[in-house]
Protein backbone atom coordinates (compact mmCIF):
# COMPACT_ATOMS: atom_id res chain seq x y z
CA MET A 1 100.03 102.00 142.41
CA VAL A 2 103.46 103.48 143.21
CA SER A 3 106.19 100.91 143.85
CA ILE A 4 109.04 103.32 144.70
CA ASN A 5 108.74 106.82 146.10
CA ILE A 6 111.90 108.94 146.35
CA ASN A 7 111.46 112.26 148.11
CA GLY A 8 114.17 114.93 148.45
CA VAL A 9 117.05 112.47 148.82
CA ASP A 10 120.64 113.65 149.40
CA LYS A 11 123.79 111.56 149.78
CA SER A 12 127.36 112.81 150.08
CA TYR A 13 130.77 111.21 150.45
CA GLY A 14 132.75 113.82 152.30
CA GLN A 15 132.70 116.92 150.09
CA VAL A 16 131.35 115.03 147.09
CA LYS A 17 127.58 115.37 146.65
CA ALA A 18 126.69 112.12 144.92
CA VAL A 19 122.89 112.61 144.99
CA GLN A 20 121.17 115.96 145.45
CA GLN A 21 117.47 116.49 146.15
CA ALA A 22 116.42 113.50 144.06
CA SER A 23 112.66 113.03 143.81
CA PHE A 24 110.62 110.78 141.54
CA GLU A 25 108.14 107.91 141.59
CA VAL A 26 108.25 104.52 139.93
CA PRO A 27 104.80 103.07 139.11
CA GLY A 28 104.11 99.43 139.85
CA ASN A 29 104.63 96.90 137.05
CA CYS A 30 106.83 99.38 135.19
CA LEU A 31 110.19 99.14 133.45
CA PHE A 32 111.77 102.36 134.68
CA GLY A 33 115.12 103.59 133.34
CA LEU A 34 117.56 105.88 135.13
CA ILE A 35 119.60 107.40 132.32
CA GLY A 36 122.89 109.17 132.87
CA PRO A 37 126.67 109.04 132.34
CA ASP A 38 129.21 107.51 134.69
CA GLY A 39 129.46 109.57 137.87
CA ALA A 40 125.89 110.86 137.64
CA GLY A 41 124.92 109.26 140.96
CA LYS A 42 122.92 106.30 139.64
CA THR A 43 124.73 103.63 141.66
CA THR A 44 124.50 105.60 144.91
CA LEU A 45 120.77 106.10 144.40
CA PHE A 46 120.27 102.40 143.64
CA ARG A 47 122.18 101.41 146.78
CA MET A 48 119.86 103.56 148.83
CA ILE A 49 116.77 102.06 147.18
CA THR A 50 118.05 98.55 147.92
CA THR A 51 118.76 99.49 151.60
CA LEU A 52 122.56 99.23 151.30
CA LEU A 53 123.06 102.94 152.00
CA ILE A 54 121.18 105.36 154.26
CA PRO A 55 120.21 108.78 152.80
CA ASP A 56 121.70 111.85 154.47
CA GLN A 57 118.39 113.59 153.91
CA GLY A 58 114.97 112.72 152.50
CA ASN A 59 113.29 109.36 152.42
CA ILE A 60 112.65 106.41 150.13
CA SER A 61 109.79 103.94 150.34
CA VAL A 62 109.52 100.66 148.42
CA PHE A 63 106.00 99.22 148.18
CA GLY A 64 105.12 101.31 151.23
CA PHE A 65 108.10 100.21 153.34
CA ASP A 66 110.72 102.72 154.49
CA THR A 67 114.23 101.80 153.33
CA VAL A 68 115.78 102.68 156.69
CA ARG A 69 113.17 101.41 159.13
CA ASP A 70 111.95 98.40 157.14
CA TYR A 71 115.13 97.33 155.37
CA ARG A 72 114.77 93.65 156.33
CA LYS A 73 111.33 93.41 154.74
CA ILE A 74 112.42 95.19 151.57
CA ARG A 75 115.36 92.83 151.07
CA LEU A 76 113.02 89.83 151.06
CA PHE A 77 111.19 90.95 147.91
CA THR A 78 113.98 92.82 146.09
CA GLY A 79 116.43 91.39 143.56
CA TYR A 80 119.55 93.49 143.08
CA MET A 81 122.15 93.14 140.33
CA PRO A 82 125.06 95.54 140.97
CA GLY A 83 127.07 97.02 138.15
CA ARG A 84 130.21 95.16 139.12
CA PHE A 85 130.09 91.35 138.94
CA SER A 86 129.80 90.33 142.60
CA LEU A 87 129.03 86.61 142.59
CA TYR A 88 131.46 84.02 143.91
CA PRO A 89 134.15 83.44 141.27
CA ASP A 90 135.30 80.15 142.83
CA LEU A 91 131.80 78.63 142.68
CA THR A 92 130.31 77.13 139.55
CA VAL A 93 127.25 78.50 137.76
CA GLY A 94 125.00 75.92 139.43
CA GLU A 95 126.55 76.43 142.87
CA ASN A 96 126.08 80.21 142.74
CA ILE A 97 122.40 79.89 141.90
CA SER A 98 121.81 77.23 144.58
CA PHE A 99 123.60 79.38 147.16
CA TYR A 100 121.42 82.43 146.49
CA ALA A 101 118.28 80.32 146.53
CA THR A 102 119.26 78.97 149.96
CA ILE A 103 119.87 82.49 151.33
CA PHE A 104 116.25 83.37 150.57
CA GLY A 105 114.88 80.11 151.95
CA THR A 106 113.89 78.58 148.63
CA THR A 107 115.28 76.08 146.13
CA VAL A 108 116.25 76.15 142.49
CA LYS A 109 113.75 73.36 141.79
CA LYS A 110 110.87 75.33 143.29
CA ASN A 111 111.59 78.53 141.37
CA TYR A 112 113.24 77.12 138.27
CA HIS A 113 110.41 78.46 136.11
CA LEU A 114 111.47 82.02 137.03
CA ILE A 115 114.96 81.66 135.63
CA LYS A 116 114.37 79.07 132.90
CA PRO A 117 114.46 81.50 129.91
CA VAL A 118 117.84 82.86 131.06
CA TYR A 119 119.25 79.70 132.60
CA SER A 120 118.61 77.69 129.43
CA LEU A 121 121.46 79.69 127.86
CA LEU A 122 123.70 79.00 130.86
CA GLU A 123 122.92 75.33 131.35
CA PRO A 124 125.74 74.03 129.10
CA PHE A 125 128.13 75.84 131.46
CA ARG A 126 126.52 74.90 134.78
CA ASP A 127 129.75 73.25 136.01
CA ARG A 128 132.02 76.08 134.89
CA LEU A 129 133.49 78.44 137.50
CA ALA A 130 131.88 81.88 137.44
CA SER A 131 135.31 83.46 137.03
CA ASN A 132 135.71 81.67 133.68
CA LEU A 133 132.49 82.97 132.11
CA SER A 134 132.33 85.59 129.38
CA GLY A 135 130.90 89.03 130.13
CA GLY A 136 127.51 88.16 128.65
CA MET A 137 127.32 84.86 130.57
CA LYS A 138 128.30 86.55 133.83
CA GLN A 139 125.45 88.97 133.26
CA LYS A 140 122.99 86.12 132.74
CA LEU A 141 124.22 84.32 135.87
CA ALA A 142 123.85 87.49 137.96
CA LEU A 143 120.30 87.93 136.66
CA CYS A 144 119.43 84.32 137.58
CA CYS A 145 120.70 84.87 141.13
CA ALA A 146 118.69 88.11 141.43
CA LEU A 147 115.52 86.34 140.24
CA ILE A 148 115.71 83.02 142.07
CA HIS A 149 113.58 84.19 145.05
CA ASN A 150 110.80 85.63 142.85
CA PRO A 151 111.25 89.33 143.74
CA LYS A 152 108.51 91.94 143.33
CA LEU A 153 111.19 94.51 142.51
CA LEU A 154 114.23 93.94 140.31
CA VAL A 155 116.99 96.58 140.48
CA LEU A 156 119.70 96.40 137.81
CA ASP A 157 122.69 98.77 137.86
CA GLU A 158 124.08 99.23 134.34
CA PRO A 159 123.51 95.57 133.42
CA THR A 160 124.54 95.95 129.77
CA THR A 161 127.78 97.90 130.20
CA GLY A 162 130.58 96.15 128.34
CA VAL A 163 128.22 93.56 126.85
CA ASP A 164 128.05 92.84 123.12
CA ALA A 165 125.14 94.09 121.02
CA VAL A 166 123.47 90.68 120.66
CA SER A 167 123.56 90.02 124.43
CA ARG A 168 122.21 93.53 125.08
CA LYS A 169 119.24 92.87 122.80
CA GLU A 170 118.54 89.49 124.42
CA PHE A 171 118.80 91.01 127.88
CA TRP A 172 116.24 93.73 127.17
CA GLU A 173 113.87 91.18 125.67
CA THR A 174 114.15 89.22 128.92
CA LEU A 175 113.41 92.34 130.97
CA HIS A 176 110.23 92.98 128.99
CA GLN A 177 109.10 89.40 129.59
CA LEU A 178 109.68 89.82 133.33
CA LYS A 179 107.81 93.12 133.34
CA ASP A 180 104.89 91.52 131.50
CA SER A 181 104.75 88.88 134.24
CA GLY A 182 103.99 91.64 136.78
CA MET A 183 107.43 92.58 138.06
CA THR A 184 108.58 96.16 138.64
CA ILE A 185 112.03 96.74 137.14
CA LEU A 186 114.38 99.64 137.82
CA VAL A 187 117.40 99.73 135.51
CA SER A 188 120.20 102.23 135.03
CA THR A 189 122.22 102.72 131.87
CA PRO A 190 124.68 105.20 130.34
CA TYR A 191 123.50 104.19 126.86
CA MET A 192 121.04 106.76 125.59
CA ASP A 193 119.60 104.41 122.96
CA GLU A 194 118.33 102.11 125.72
CA ALA A 195 116.02 104.83 127.01
CA ALA A 196 113.49 103.96 124.30
CA ARG A 197 113.19 100.43 125.73
CA CYS A 198 111.74 101.69 129.02
CA ASP A 199 108.17 102.62 129.98
CA ARG A 200 109.35 105.69 131.86
CA ILE A 201 112.75 107.31 132.32
CA ALA A 202 114.51 109.83 134.53
CA LEU A 203 117.51 111.80 133.27
CA MET A 204 120.26 112.15 135.89
CA GLN A 205 123.41 114.28 135.86
CA ALA A 206 125.75 115.41 138.67
CA GLY A 207 123.54 113.82 141.32
CA ARG A 208 120.35 115.56 140.20
CA ILE A 209 117.21 114.37 138.44
CA MET A 210 116.78 116.81 135.55
CA ASP A 211 113.61 115.42 134.00
CA GLN A 212 111.33 112.38 134.13
CA ASP A 213 108.61 111.21 131.79
CA THR A 214 107.83 108.61 129.15
CA PRO A 215 110.48 108.30 126.41
CA GLY A 216 108.05 109.75 123.88
CA GLU A 217 107.33 112.81 126.03
CA ILE A 218 111.05 113.38 126.66
CA LEU A 219 111.67 113.43 122.90
CA SER A 220 108.72 115.73 122.29
CA LYS A 221 110.18 118.38 124.62
CA PHE A 222 112.98 119.11 122.14
CA ARG A 223 111.22 121.91 120.29
CA VAL A 224 113.98 123.93 118.61
CA PRO A 225 115.41 123.39 115.11
CA LEU A 226 118.24 120.85 115.06
CA PHE A 227 120.80 120.43 112.29
CA GLU A 228 123.64 118.07 111.51
CA ILE A 229 126.75 119.59 109.95
CA ARG A 230 129.49 117.73 108.11
CA ALA A 231 132.68 119.76 107.81
CA ASN A 232 136.33 119.04 107.04
CA ASP A 233 137.56 121.03 110.02
CA ARG A 234 135.12 119.95 112.72
CA LEU A 235 136.84 121.62 115.67
CA GLY A 236 137.38 124.91 113.86
CA THR A 237 133.79 124.92 112.59
CA LEU A 238 132.50 124.08 116.06
CA GLU A 239 134.39 127.01 117.59
CA ILE A 240 132.90 129.39 115.01
CA LEU A 241 129.38 128.04 115.48
CA ARG A 242 129.61 128.58 119.22
CA SER A 243 130.42 132.24 118.63
CA ILE A 244 127.16 132.92 116.74
CA PRO A 245 124.53 134.35 119.16
CA GLU A 246 121.51 132.82 117.39
CA ILE A 247 122.87 129.31 117.90
CA LYS A 248 121.65 127.94 121.22
CA ARG A 249 123.91 124.90 121.28
CA ALA A 250 126.68 123.32 119.21
CA TYR A 251 128.42 120.07 120.09
CA LEU A 252 130.28 117.17 118.52
CA PHE A 253 128.07 114.22 117.66
CA GLY A 254 130.15 111.34 116.37
CA GLN A 255 131.64 112.41 113.04
CA TYR A 256 129.30 115.38 112.81
CA ILE A 257 128.36 118.55 114.61
CA HIS A 258 124.84 119.00 115.96
CA ILE A 259 123.54 122.50 116.44
CA ALA A 260 120.26 123.87 117.76
CA THR A 261 119.21 127.35 116.65
CA ASP A 262 116.89 129.68 118.53
CA SER A 263 114.03 129.79 115.99
CA GLU A 264 112.68 128.46 112.69
CA ARG A 265 113.96 131.65 111.02
CA HIS A 266 117.51 130.40 111.42
CA GLY A 267 117.53 127.36 109.16
CA ALA A 268 119.99 125.56 106.91
CA GLU A 269 120.46 128.38 104.37
CA TRP A 270 120.98 130.91 107.15
CA LEU A 271 123.57 128.64 108.74
CA LYS A 272 125.40 128.15 105.45
CA THR A 273 125.53 131.93 104.96
CA GLN A 274 126.82 132.50 108.50
CA LEU A 275 129.61 129.99 107.99
CA SER A 276 130.46 131.27 104.51
CA ASN A 277 130.77 134.82 105.88
CA ARG A 278 133.29 133.46 108.39
CA GLY A 279 135.38 131.62 105.83
CA ILE A 280 133.90 128.14 106.22
CA ALA A 281 132.77 126.57 102.94
CA ASN A 282 132.11 123.04 101.68
CA VAL A 283 129.85 122.08 104.54
CA LYS A 284 126.80 119.87 104.35
CA ILE A 285 123.90 120.92 106.58
CA THR A 286 120.95 118.59 107.14
CA PRO A 287 117.87 118.99 109.39
CA VAL A 288 117.63 116.05 111.82
CA VAL A 289 115.24 114.76 114.47
CA ALA A 290 116.55 114.84 118.03
CA ASP A 291 117.40 111.52 119.66
CA PHE A 292 117.86 110.81 123.38
CA GLU A 293 121.45 112.02 123.41
CA ASP A 294 120.35 115.36 121.99
CA CYS A 295 117.54 115.51 124.55
CA PHE A 296 119.93 114.71 127.39
CA ILE A 297 122.32 117.50 126.38
CA ASP A 298 119.34 119.84 126.04
CA ALA A 299 118.08 118.83 129.50
CA VAL A 300 121.50 119.49 131.05
CA GLU A 301 121.68 122.94 129.47
CA ASN A 302 118.11 123.86 130.38
CA TYR A 303 118.49 122.59 133.94
CA THR A 304 121.76 124.49 134.43
CA THR A 305 120.31 127.68 132.96
CA HIS A 306 117.18 127.41 135.09
CA ARG A 307 119.22 126.96 138.29
CA THR A 308 121.46 129.90 137.54
C-alpha cells in the first residue's frame, strides 16, 4: 500500500525554484527519510504534503486523497511537526497539549496512551511555559501535540536540528516505536548519519530528488574506489588532487580529504606516486568504505553530470 504519492511536483517563489519535478512514493507503515542540506526544498515539499501549500504543477495524494481537493480530510489524520517551534510560548506544557487535543475533537485522557512514552519525560514540567523549555523538551512537546489525535501519517521537518546527541537518539527510538505501531512517518533531516535509521530514503538537492531507495541500496551504489588522505597542507593537496584526470572526485571530509578514483587500477600506491611527483610527500592514504555523506556527494555529481 502506498501512503503518499508525489508526481511531477513543482513549486516556485518568484524566480526561486524551491521544488522541481519531484516524484516518489512512500509505502504505508514506513519510516521514510528525506535527506538533504538546508535550502534543498524539504520544507516546501513537506508543506505541500500537509496541504499548507499548493503545488504549481503536479499532484500529491495522501492515502488516496488529493492534497488540494481533499485538504480537510487529510488534515484530520495527519500530524505535522514543523522545523521551527510553533507552539504557544505563553501556554504551559499541559495547556498546549490540551489545546491541540481540543482542536481535533478529542481529549488528552482519551489518547494519553499515544503520547505516554514521550510525555512521561515532560510530565515534571507540565506547568512550565513552553517558552522556558530546553530545545530537547520543546521537541518532545511538539511531538506530543502532533500525536494527540492519533494520526495515520506523521510528518516531521528536521526534528533533531539543534538537539543534543542523547535527545536525538531517544527521538529516533520513539519514531521506531510509532512506526512499529502501524504509523507512516515522513521525516526530513540534514544529518547524513540519520539516513541509516530510516526504512527508505530520498536524496534531495536544489529542489530535485536525485535518488531514492533503501539505505543499504543507496550505499551499495557507490562502486568506485574511495580513499582517505591525511596531509599537512590539506587545501594545497586538494587542489593538486583535483587536477589529476584519473581522480573522479576530491573533497574535504572533516580533517581529511576523500577522493574517488576512476578504477581499481588507481589505488593507494598510484595516488602516493602521483602526489610525490607533484611535490607532496608525508601523506597517509587509507582505503575507506563510503558513508551516506560520500554517497550524497556522489549522487549530486552523477545527477548533475547526467542532466548536462
